[in-house]
Every structure is written in structure tokens, then in C-alpha cells.
Amino acid sequence: MGEGPAELFGQLPNGSFPASAAETLGLSQKQLRRDSIVTLSRGLRLPLQSTGTVAEHLRGYTELDPECCLSHGSAARIRRISLSAALDETI
């Protein structure tokens, strides 16, 4: 008998995680492809039921690539600081 979503969710971190951590988390490749886990980008997953903080959601990026650099916008979100809407615009 397979695990239901509730049992699976209990194994997952509260935030994003690298797909390469699946085995450590006790997840099979089949479980990693379930509808309850979304692919954020190549090699990065997020449980749909996650209630993690912004920092927990960004953690997977830095675990996936230790040279990853988070921006001032990420820091502002973590600290709940409002930034000018102009900073969200792309050039």
C-alpha cells in the first residue's frame, strides 16, 4: 500500500528543497513527481502545502547552488520591508 499525501507531507521540509535530497528525505523518484510537489526550477521542489517563510522557500536555491546570491529584494521580503514598486520593474 502506498503512502497518502498526508504521510508524504510529514517527510518534507517546510520550504523548498533540492530534488537531489529526495533520497535523504526518504522519497522515491515517483513520490518526487507527485502533484503535491511542484517543480520551481530545474532540480528544485516545493511541497504545495508548505507554509514556510520566505527564507524557507529560498533555502532550496542556496542548497542547490552554494554560490547562489540572493538579492536586496529577497532580503526585504525576509525582513518584511516594503520596497518601491519601481524596484520590481525590469529594464
PDB file of N, CA and C in Angstrom:
ATOM      1  N   MET A   1       0.826  -1.184   0.000  1.00  0.00           N
ATOM      2  CA  MET A   1       0.000   0.000   0.000  1.00  0.00           C
ATOM      3  C   MET A   1       0.871   1.249   0.000  1.00  0.00           C
ATOM      4  N   GLY A   2       0.564   2.235  -0.828  1.00  0.00           N
ATOM      5  CA  GLY A   2       1.371   3.453  -0.931  1.00  0.00           C
ATOM      6  C   GLY A   2       1.018   4.464   0.131  1.00  0.00           C
ATOM      7  N   GLU A   3       1.890   5.438   0.239  1.00  0.00           N
ATOM      8  CA  GLU A   3       1.638   6.500   1.207  1.00  0.00           C
ATOM      9  C   GLU A   3       0.662   7.513   0.626  1.00  0.00           C
ATOM     10  N   GLY A   4      -0.201   8.032   1.473  1.00  0.00           N
ATOM     11  CA  GLY A   4      -1.107   9.090   1.067  1.00  0.00           C
ATOM     12  C   GLY A   4      -0.405  10.422   1.174  1.00  0.00           C
ATOM     13  N   PRO A   5      -1.042  11.488   0.678  1.00  0.00           N
ATOM     14  CA  PRO A   5      -0.434  12.816   0.724  1.00  0.00           C
ATOM     15  C   PRO A   5      -0.084  13.271   2.128  1.00  0.00           C
ATOM     16  N   ALA A   6      -0.890  12.925   3.113  1.00  0.00           N
ATOM     17  CA  ALA A   6      -0.622  13.365   4.491  1.00  0.00           C
ATOM     18  C   ALA A   6       0.671  12.749   5.013  1.00  0.00           C
ATOM     19  N   GLU A   7       0.886  11.463   4.744  1.00  0.00           N
ATOM     20  CA  GLU A   7       2.104  10.799   5.203  1.00  0.00           C
ATOM     21  C   GLU A   7       3.322  11.348   4.468  1.00  0.00           C
ATOM     22  N   LEU A   8       3.160  11.589   3.167  1.00  0.00           N
ATOM     23  CA  LEU A   8       4.243  12.128   2.364  1.00  0.00           C
ATOM     24  C   LEU A   8       4.623  13.515   2.854  1.00  0.00           C
ATOM     25  N   PHE A   9       3.630  14.367   3.129  1.00  0.00           N
ATOM     26  CA  PHE A   9       3.887  15.737   3.548  1.00  0.00           C
ATOM     27  C   PHE A   9       4.668  15.771   4.860  1.00  0.00           C
ATOM     28  N   GLY A  10       4.433  14.815   5.741  1.00  0.00           N
ATOM     29  CA  GLY A  10       5.138  14.770   7.013  1.00  0.00           C
ATOM     30  C   GLY A  10       6.634  14.578   6.859  1.00  0.00           C
ATOM     31  N   GLN A  11       7.088  14.051   5.707  1.00  0.00           N
ATOM     32  CA  GLN A  11       8.505  13.801   5.456  1.00  0.00           C
ATOM     33  C   GLN A  11       9.216  15.001   4.847  1.00  0.00           C
ATOM     34  N   LEU A  12       8.458  15.933   4.316  1.00  0.00           N
ATOM     35  CA  LEU A  12       9.032  17.018   3.537  1.00  0.00           C
ATOM     36  C   LEU A  12       9.404  18.226   4.374  1.00  0.00           C
ATOM     37  N   PRO A  13      10.452  18.950   3.951  1.00  0.00           N
ATOM     38  CA  PRO A  13      10.804  20.180   4.660  1.00  0.00           C
ATOM     39  C   PRO A  13       9.731  21.245   4.437  1.00  0.00           C
ATOM     40  N   ASN A  14       9.663  22.193   5.335  1.00  0.00           N
ATOM     41  CA  ASN A  14       8.703  23.289   5.226  1.00  0.00           C
ATOM     42  C   ASN A  14       9.354  24.407   4.419  1.00  0.00           C
ATOM     43  N   GLY A  15       9.401  24.218   3.126  1.00  0.00           N
ATOM     44  CA  GLY A  15      10.050  25.150   2.218  1.00  0.00           C
ATOM     45  C   GLY A  15      10.594  24.383   1.032  1.00  0.00           C
ATOM     46  N   SER A  16      11.364  25.053   0.205  1.00  0.00           N
ATOM     47  CA  SER A  16      11.903  24.404  -0.987  1.00  0.00           C
ATOM     48  C   SER A  16      13.072  23.497  -0.615  1.00  0.00           C
ATOM     49  N   PHE A  17      13.343  22.551  -1.518  1.00  0.00           N
ATOM     50  CA  PHE A  17      14.460  21.642  -1.309  1.00  0.00           C
ATOM     51  C   PHE A  17      14.967  21.152  -2.662  1.00  0.00           C
ATOM     52  N   PRO A  18      16.263  20.808  -2.736  1.00  0.00           N
ATOM     53  CA  PRO A  18      16.803  20.270  -3.977  1.00  0.00           C
ATOM     54  C   PRO A  18      16.248  18.868  -4.232  1.00  0.00           C
ATOM     55  N   ALA A  19      15.946  18.564  -5.479  1.00  0.00           N
ATOM     56  CA  ALA A  19      15.464  17.229  -5.831  1.00  0.00           C
ATOM     57  C   ALA A  19      16.496  16.173  -5.453  1.00  0.00           C
ATOM     58  N   SER A  20      17.757  16.553  -5.445  1.00  0.00           N
ATOM     59  CA  SER A  20      18.820  15.612  -5.082  1.00  0.00           C
ATOM     60  C   SER A  20      18.729  15.161  -3.624  1.00  0.00           C
ATOM     61  N   ALA A  21      17.953  15.866  -2.812  1.00  0.00           N
ATOM     62  CA  ALA A  21      17.770  15.491  -1.397  1.00  0.00           C
ATOM     63  C   ALA A  21      16.657  14.471  -1.214  1.00  0.00           C
ATOM     64  N   ALA A  22      16.003  14.066  -2.302  1.00  0.00           N
ATOM     65  CA  ALA A  22      14.859  13.148  -2.210  1.00  0.00           C
ATOM     66  C   ALA A  22      15.202  11.868  -1.458  1.00  0.00           C
ATOM     67  N   GLU A  23      16.324  11.254  -1.792  1.00  0.00           N
ATOM     68  CA  GLU A  23      16.697  10.000  -1.140  1.00  0.00           C
ATOM     69  C   GLU A  23      16.916  10.196   0.355  1.00  0.00           C
ATOM     70  N   THR A  24      17.592  11.277   0.724  1.00  0.00           N
ATOM     71  CA  THR A  24      17.822  11.589   2.142  1.00  0.00           C
ATOM     72  C   THR A  24      16.500  11.790   2.880  1.00  0.00           C
ATOM     73  N   LEU A  25      15.516  12.361   2.190  1.00  0.00           N
ATOM     74  CA  LEU A  25      14.194  12.600   2.780  1.00  0.00           C
ATOM     75  C   LEU A  25      13.321  11.350   2.764  1.00  0.00           C
ATOM     76  N   GLY A  26      13.832  10.274   2.165  1.00  0.00           N
ATOM     77  CA  GLY A  26      13.068   9.032   2.101  1.00  0.00           C
ATOM     78  C   GLY A  26      12.039   9.013   0.985  1.00  0.00           C
ATOM     79  N   LEU A  27      12.237   9.846  -0.036  1.00  0.00           N
ATOM     80  CA  LEU A  27      11.290   9.927  -1.149  1.00  0.00           C
ATOM     81  C   LEU A  27      11.818   9.173  -2.366  1.00  0.00           C
ATOM     82  N   SER A  28      10.956   8.447  -3.016  1.00  0.00           N
ATOM     83  CA  SER A  28      11.315   7.810  -4.279  1.00  0.00           C
ATOM     84  C   SER A  28      11.174   8.837  -5.391  1.00  0.00           C
ATOM     85  N   GLN A  29      11.718   8.530  -6.557  1.00  0.00           N
ATOM     86  CA  GLN A  29      11.566   9.429  -7.703  1.00  0.00           C
ATOM     87  C   GLN A  29      10.094   9.570  -8.080  1.00  0.00           C
ATOM     88  N   LYS A  30       9.331   8.502  -7.907  1.00  0.00           N
ATOM     89  CA  LYS A  30       7.892   8.548  -8.196  1.00  0.00           C
ATOM     90  C   LYS A  30       7.193   9.530  -7.244  1.00  0.00           C
ATOM     91  N   GLN A  31       7.517   9.472  -5.961  1.00  0.00           N
ATOM     92  CA  GLN A  31       6.914  10.383  -4.986  1.00  0.00           C
ATOM     93  C   GLN A  31       7.306  11.833  -5.281  1.00  0.00           C
ATOM     94  N   LEU A  32       8.522  12.035  -5.762  1.00  0.00           N
ATOM     95  CA  LEU A  32       9.005  13.371  -6.068  1.00  0.00           C
ATOM     96  C   LEU A  32       8.223  14.005  -7.214  1.00  0.00           C
ATOM     97  N   ARG A  33       7.620  13.174  -8.062  1.00  0.00           N
ATOM     98  CA  ARG A  33       6.849  13.673  -9.208  1.00  0.00           C
ATOM     99  C   ARG A  33       5.357  13.813  -8.909  1.00  0.00           C
ATOM    100  N   ARG A  34       4.948  13.620  -7.673  1.00  0.00           N
ATOM    101  CA  ARG A  34       3.523  13.730  -7.330  1.00  0.00           C
ATOM    102  C   ARG A  34       3.014  15.146  -7.542  1.00  0.00           C
ATOM    103  N   ASP A  35       1.707  15.260  -7.736  1.00  0.00           N
ATOM    104  CA  ASP A  35       1.079  16.574  -7.935  1.00  0.00           C
ATOM    105  C   ASP A  35       1.224  17.476  -6.718  1.00  0.00           C
ATOM    106  N   SER A  36       1.475  16.901  -5.542  1.00  0.00           N
ATOM    107  CA  SER A  36       1.574  17.696  -4.323  1.00  0.00           C
ATOM    108  C   SER A  36       2.948  18.345  -4.154  1.00  0.00           C
ATOM    109  N   ILE A  37       3.869  18.073  -5.101  1.00  0.00           N
ATOM    110  CA  ILE A  37       5.193  18.690  -5.069  1.00  0.00           C
ATOM    111  C   ILE A  37       5.405  19.381  -6.406  1.00  0.00           C
ATOM    112  N   VAL A  38       5.598  20.688  -6.376  1.00  0.00           N
ATOM    113  CA  VAL A  38       5.758  21.466  -7.608  1.00  0.00           C
ATOM    114  C   VAL A  38       7.244  21.665  -7.911  1.00  0.00           C
ATOM    115  N   THR A  39       7.575  21.695  -9.198  1.00  0.00           N
ATOM    116  CA  THR A  39       8.934  21.987  -9.638  1.00  0.00           C
ATOM    117  C   THR A  39       9.057  23.496  -9.810  1.00  0.00           C
ATOM    118  N   LEU A  40       9.887  24.118  -8.980  1.00  0.00           N
ATOM    119  CA  LEU A  40      10.105  25.567  -9.067  1.00  0.00           C
ATOM    120  C   LEU A  40      11.045  25.904 -10.212  1.00  0.00           C
ATOM    121  N   SER A  41      12.079  25.119 -10.330  1.00  0.00           N
ATOM    122  CA  SER A  41      13.024  25.247 -11.426  1.00  0.00           C
ATOM    123  C   SER A  41      13.769  23.920 -11.478  1.00  0.00           C
ATOM    124  N   ARG A  42      14.639  23.810 -12.445  1.00  0.00           N
ATOM    125  CA  ARG A  42      15.350  22.541 -12.605  1.00  0.00           C
ATOM    126  C   ARG A  42      16.078  22.150 -11.319  1.00  0.00           C
ATOM    127  N   GLY A  43      15.700  21.006 -10.773  1.00  0.00           N
ATOM    128  CA  GLY A  43      16.352  20.500  -9.577  1.00  0.00           C
ATOM    129  C   GLY A  43      15.840  21.056  -8.271  1.00  0.00           C
ATOM    130  N   LEU A  44      14.777  21.846  -8.297  1.00  0.00           N
ATOM    131  CA  LEU A  44      14.273  22.474  -7.078  1.00  0.00           C
ATOM    132  C   LEU A  44      12.786  22.197  -6.923  1.00  0.00           C
ATOM    133  N   ARG A  45      12.385  21.719  -5.747  1.00  0.00           N
ATOM    134  CA  ARG A  45      10.992  21.341  -5.494  1.00  0.00           C
ATOM    135  C   ARG A  45      10.430  22.087  -4.291  1.00  0.00           C
ATOM    136  N   LEU A  46       9.088  22.201  -4.281  1.00  0.00           N
ATOM    137  CA  LEU A  46       8.376  22.836  -3.173  1.00  0.00           C
ATOM    138  C   LEU A  46       7.069  22.092  -2.952  1.00  0.00           C
ATOM    139  N   PRO A  47       6.834  21.606  -1.719  1.00  0.00           N
ATOM    140  CA  PRO A  47       5.543  20.981  -1.423  1.00  0.00           C
ATOM    141  C   PRO A  47       4.443  22.040  -1.517  1.00  0.00           C
ATOM    142  N   LEU A  48       3.367  21.726  -2.205  1.00  0.00           N
ATOM    143  CA  LEU A  48       2.272  22.690  -2.366  1.00  0.00           C
ATOM    144  C   LEU A  48       1.658  23.090  -1.033  1.00  0.00           C
ATOM    145  N   GLN A  49       1.681  22.202  -0.052  1.00  0.00           N
ATOM    146  CA  GLN A  49       1.090  22.503   1.259  1.00  0.00           C
ATOM    147  C   GLN A  49       2.056  23.238   2.183  1.00  0.00           C
ATOM    148  N   SER A  50       3.215  23.594   1.689  1.00  0.00           N
ATOM    149  CA  SER A  50       4.217  24.248   2.518  1.00  0.00           C
ATOM    150  C   SER A  50       3.694  25.573   3.066  1.00  0.00           C
ATOM    151  N   THR A  51       3.937  25.789   4.325  1.00  0.00           N
ATOM    152  CA  THR A  51       3.580  27.044   4.977  1.00  0.00           C
ATOM    153  C   THR A  51       4.847  27.777   5.413  1.00  0.00           C
ATOM    154  N   GLY A  52       5.959  27.455   4.737  1.00  0.00           N
ATOM    155  CA  GLY A  52       7.248  28.025   5.104  1.00  0.00           C
ATOM    156  C   GLY A  52       7.323  29.530   4.930  1.00  0.00           C
ATOM    157  N   THR A  53       8.288  30.100   5.573  1.00  0.00           N
ATOM    158  CA  THR A  53       8.568  31.530   5.460  1.00  0.00           C
ATOM    159  C   THR A  53       9.269  31.793   4.126  1.00  0.00           C
ATOM    160  N   VAL A  54       9.450  33.039   3.787  1.00  0.00           N
ATOM    161  CA  VAL A  54      10.182  33.385   2.570  1.00  0.00           C
ATOM    162  C   VAL A  54      11.582  32.788   2.632  1.00  0.00           C
ATOM    163  N   ALA A  55      12.227  32.889   3.779  1.00  0.00           N
ATOM    164  CA  ALA A  55      13.579  32.334   3.934  1.00  0.00           C
ATOM    165  C   ALA A  55      13.577  30.829   3.695  1.00  0.00           C
ATOM    166  N   GLU A  56      12.575  30.122   4.194  1.00  0.00           N
ATOM    167  CA  GLU A  56      12.496  28.669   3.993  1.00  0.00           C
ATOM    168  C   GLU A  56      12.230  28.332   2.529  1.00  0.00           C
ATOM    169  N   HIS A  57      11.485  29.170   1.840  1.00  0.00           N
ATOM    170  CA  HIS A  57      11.217  28.936   0.426  1.00  0.00           C
ATOM    171  C   HIS A  57      12.456  29.229  -0.419  1.00  0.00           C
ATOM    172  N   LEU A  58      13.311  30.125   0.015  1.00  0.00           N
ATOM    173  CA  LEU A  58      14.537  30.451  -0.715  1.00  0.00           C
ATOM    174  C   LEU A  58      15.682  29.504  -0.376  1.00  0.00           C
ATOM    175  N   ARG A  59      15.602  28.822   0.738  1.00  0.00           N
ATOM    176  CA  ARG A  59      16.674  27.935   1.206  1.00  0.00           C
ATOM    177  C   ARG A  59      17.096  26.930   0.140  1.00  0.00           C
ATOM    178  N   GLY A  60      16.131  26.363  -0.583  1.00  0.00           N
ATOM    179  CA  GLY A  60      16.449  25.364  -1.600  1.00  0.00           C
ATOM    180  C   GLY A  60      17.381  25.892  -2.672  1.00  0.00           C
ATOM    181  N   TYR A  61      17.230  27.169  -3.029  1.00  0.00           N
ATOM    182  CA  TYR A  61      18.112  27.758  -4.041  1.00  0.00           C
ATOM    183  C   TYR A  61      19.557  27.753  -3.560  1.00  0.00           C
ATOM    184  N   THR A  62      19.783  28.145  -2.317  1.00  0.00           N
ATOM    185  CA  THR A  62      21.148  28.206  -1.802  1.00  0.00           C
ATOM    186  C   THR A  62      21.702  26.811  -1.523  1.00  0.00           C
ATOM    187  N   GLU A  63      20.844  25.844  -1.215  1.00  0.00           N
ATOM    188  CA  GLU A  63      21.313  24.465  -1.049  1.00  0.00           C
ATOM    189  C   GLU A  63      21.673  23.861  -2.402  1.00  0.00           C
ATOM    190  N   LEU A  64      20.908  24.185  -3.419  1.00  0.00           N
ATOM    191  CA  LEU A  64      21.148  23.666  -4.760  1.00  0.00           C
ATOM    192  C   LEU A  64      22.431  24.241  -5.345  1.00  0.00           C
ATOM    193  N   ASP A  65      22.671  25.525  -5.119  1.00  0.00           N
ATOM    194  CA  ASP A  65      23.856  26.197  -5.647  1.00  0.00           C
ATOM    195  C   ASP A  65      24.459  27.069  -4.551  1.00  0.00           C
ATOM    196  N   PRO A  66      25.503  26.566  -3.877  1.00  0.00           N
ATOM    197  CA  PRO A  66      26.112  27.334  -2.783  1.00  0.00           C
ATOM    198  C   PRO A  66      26.630  28.708  -3.205  1.00  0.00           C
ATOM    199  N   GLU A  67      26.847  28.906  -4.502  1.00  0.00           N
ATOM    200  CA  GLU A  67      27.316  30.202  -4.983  1.00  0.00           C
ATOM    201  C   GLU A  67      26.156  31.117  -5.356  1.00  0.00           C
ATOM    202  N   CYS A  68      24.942  30.667  -5.095  1.00  0.00           N
ATOM    203  CA  CYS A  68      23.739  31.444  -5.378  1.00  0.00           C
ATOM    204  C   CYS A  68      23.773  32.731  -4.554  1.00  0.00           C
ATOM    205  N   CYS A  69      23.312  33.792  -5.151  1.00  0.00           N
ATOM    206  CA  CYS A  69      23.284  35.083  -4.466  1.00  0.00           C
ATOM    207  C   CYS A  69      21.847  35.577  -4.403  1.00  0.00           C
ATOM    208  N   LEU A  70      21.365  35.812  -3.228  1.00  0.00           N
ATOM    209  CA  LEU A  70      20.026  36.373  -3.061  1.00  0.00           C
ATOM    210  C   LEU A  70      20.134  37.885  -3.103  1.00  0.00           C
ATOM    211  N   SER A  71      19.120  38.522  -3.620  1.00  0.00           N
ATOM    212  CA  SER A  71      19.176  39.964  -3.852  1.00  0.00           C
ATOM    213  C   SER A  71      18.620  40.784  -2.690  1.00  0.00           C
ATOM    214  N   HIS A  72      18.705  42.095  -2.864  1.00  0.00           N
ATOM    215  CA  HIS A  72      18.123  43.022  -1.890  1.00  0.00           C
ATOM    216  C   HIS A  72      16.618  42.783  -1.777  1.00  0.00           C
ATOM    217  N   GLY A  73      15.984  42.408  -2.885  1.00  0.00           N
ATOM    218  CA  GLY A  73      14.546  42.132  -2.867  1.00  0.00           C
ATOM    219  C   GLY A  73      14.221  40.932  -1.998  1.00  0.00           C
ATOM    220  N   SER A  74      15.059  39.905  -2.067  1.00  0.00           N
ATOM    221  CA  SER A  74      14.861  38.723  -1.218  1.00  0.00           C
ATOM    222  C   SER A  74      15.028  39.083   0.250  1.00  0.00           C
ATOM    223  N   ALA A  75      16.072  39.867   0.539  1.00  0.00           N
ATOM    224  CA  ALA A  75      16.312  40.289   1.918  1.00  0.00           C
ATOM    225  C   ALA A  75      15.145  41.113   2.448  1.00  0.00           C
ATOM    226  N   ALA A  76      14.620  41.994   1.611  1.00  0.00           N
ATOM    227  CA  ALA A  76      13.490  42.825   2.029  1.00  0.00           C
ATOM    228  C   ALA A  76      12.268  41.969   2.339  1.00  0.00           C
ATOM    229  N   ARG A  77      12.015  40.975   1.505  1.00  0.00           N
ATOM    230  CA  ARG A  77      10.862  40.095   1.763  1.00  0.00           C
ATOM    231  C   ARG A  77      11.033  39.317   3.062  1.00  0.00           C
ATOM    232  N   ILE A  78      12.263  38.817   3.297  1.00  0.00           N
ATOM    233  CA  ILE A  78      12.522  38.062   4.529  1.00  0.00           C
ATOM    234  C   ILE A  78      12.277  38.946   5.747  1.00  0.00           C
ATOM    235  N   ARG A  79      12.712  40.209   5.666  1.00  0.00           N
ATOM    236  CA  ARG A  79      12.562  41.156   6.791  1.00  0.00           C
ATOM    237  C   ARG A  79      11.232  41.897   6.777  1.00  0.00           C
ATOM    238  N   ARG A  80      10.370  41.570   5.790  1.00  0.00           N
ATOM    239  CA  ARG A  80       9.051  42.198   5.640  1.00  0.00           C
ATOM    240  C   ARG A  80       9.154  43.711   5.490  1.00  0.00           C
ATOM    241  N   ILE A  81      10.097  44.139   4.665  1.00  0.00           N
ATOM    242  CA  ILE A  81      10.288  45.555   4.378  1.00  0.00           C
ATOM    243  C   ILE A  81       9.681  45.848   3.013  1.00  0.00           C
ATOM    244  N   SER A  82       8.851  46.854   2.940  1.00  0.00           N
ATOM    245  CA  SER A  82       8.250  47.244   1.660  1.00  0.00           C
ATOM    246  C   SER A  82       9.263  48.038   0.847  1.00  0.00           C
ATOM    247  N   LEU A  83       9.355  47.670  -0.425  1.00  0.00           N
ATOM    248  CA  LEU A  83      10.218  48.397  -1.340  1.00  0.00           C
ATOM    249  C   LEU A  83       9.347  49.126  -2.355  1.00  0.00           C
ATOM    250  N   SER A  84       9.923  50.129  -2.964  1.00  0.00           N
ATOM    251  CA  SER A  84       9.230  50.873  -4.005  1.00  0.00           C
ATOM    252  C   SER A  84       8.842  49.939  -5.138  1.00  0.00           C
ATOM    253  N   ALA A  85       7.666  50.149  -5.708  1.00  0.00           N
ATOM    254  CA  ALA A  85       7.226  49.335  -6.839  1.00  0.00           C
ATOM    255  C   ALA A  85       8.183  49.485  -8.012  1.00  0.00           C
ATOM    256  N   ALA A  86       8.872  50.601  -8.104  1.00  0.00           N
ATOM    257  CA  ALA A  86       9.830  50.819  -9.187  1.00  0.00           C
ATOM    258  C   ALA A  86      10.954  49.792  -9.163  1.00  0.00           C
ATOM    259  N   LEU A  87      11.288  49.265  -7.992  1.00  0.00           N
ATOM    260  CA  LEU A  87      12.346  48.262  -7.884  1.00  0.00           C
ATOM    261  C   LEU A  87      11.927  46.927  -8.477  1.00  0.00           C
ATOM    262  N   ASP A  88      10.635  46.689  -8.602  1.00  0.00           N
ATOM    263  CA  ASP A  88      10.128  45.444  -9.181  1.00  0.00           C
ATOM    264  C   ASP A  88      10.134  45.464 -10.695  1.00  0.00           C
ATOM    265  N   GLU A  89      10.239  46.664 -11.269  1.00  0.00           N
ATOM    266  CA  GLU A  89      10.206  46.802 -12.723  1.00  0.00           C
ATOM    267  C   GLU A  89      11.526  46.324 -13.319  1.00  0.00           C
ATOM    268  N   THR A  90      11.443  45.673 -14.474  1.00  0.00           N
ATOM    269  CA  THR A  90      12.642  45.257 -15.171  1.00  0.00           C
ATOM    270  C   THR A  90      12.972  46.283 -16.240  1.00  0.00           C
ATOM    271  N   ILE A  91      14.236  46.401 -16.507  1.00  0.00           N
ATOM    272  CA  ILE A  91      14.684  47.383 -17.501  1.00  0.00           C
ATOM    273  C   ILE A  91      14.659  46.746 -18.875  1.00  0.00           C
TER     274      ILE A  91
END
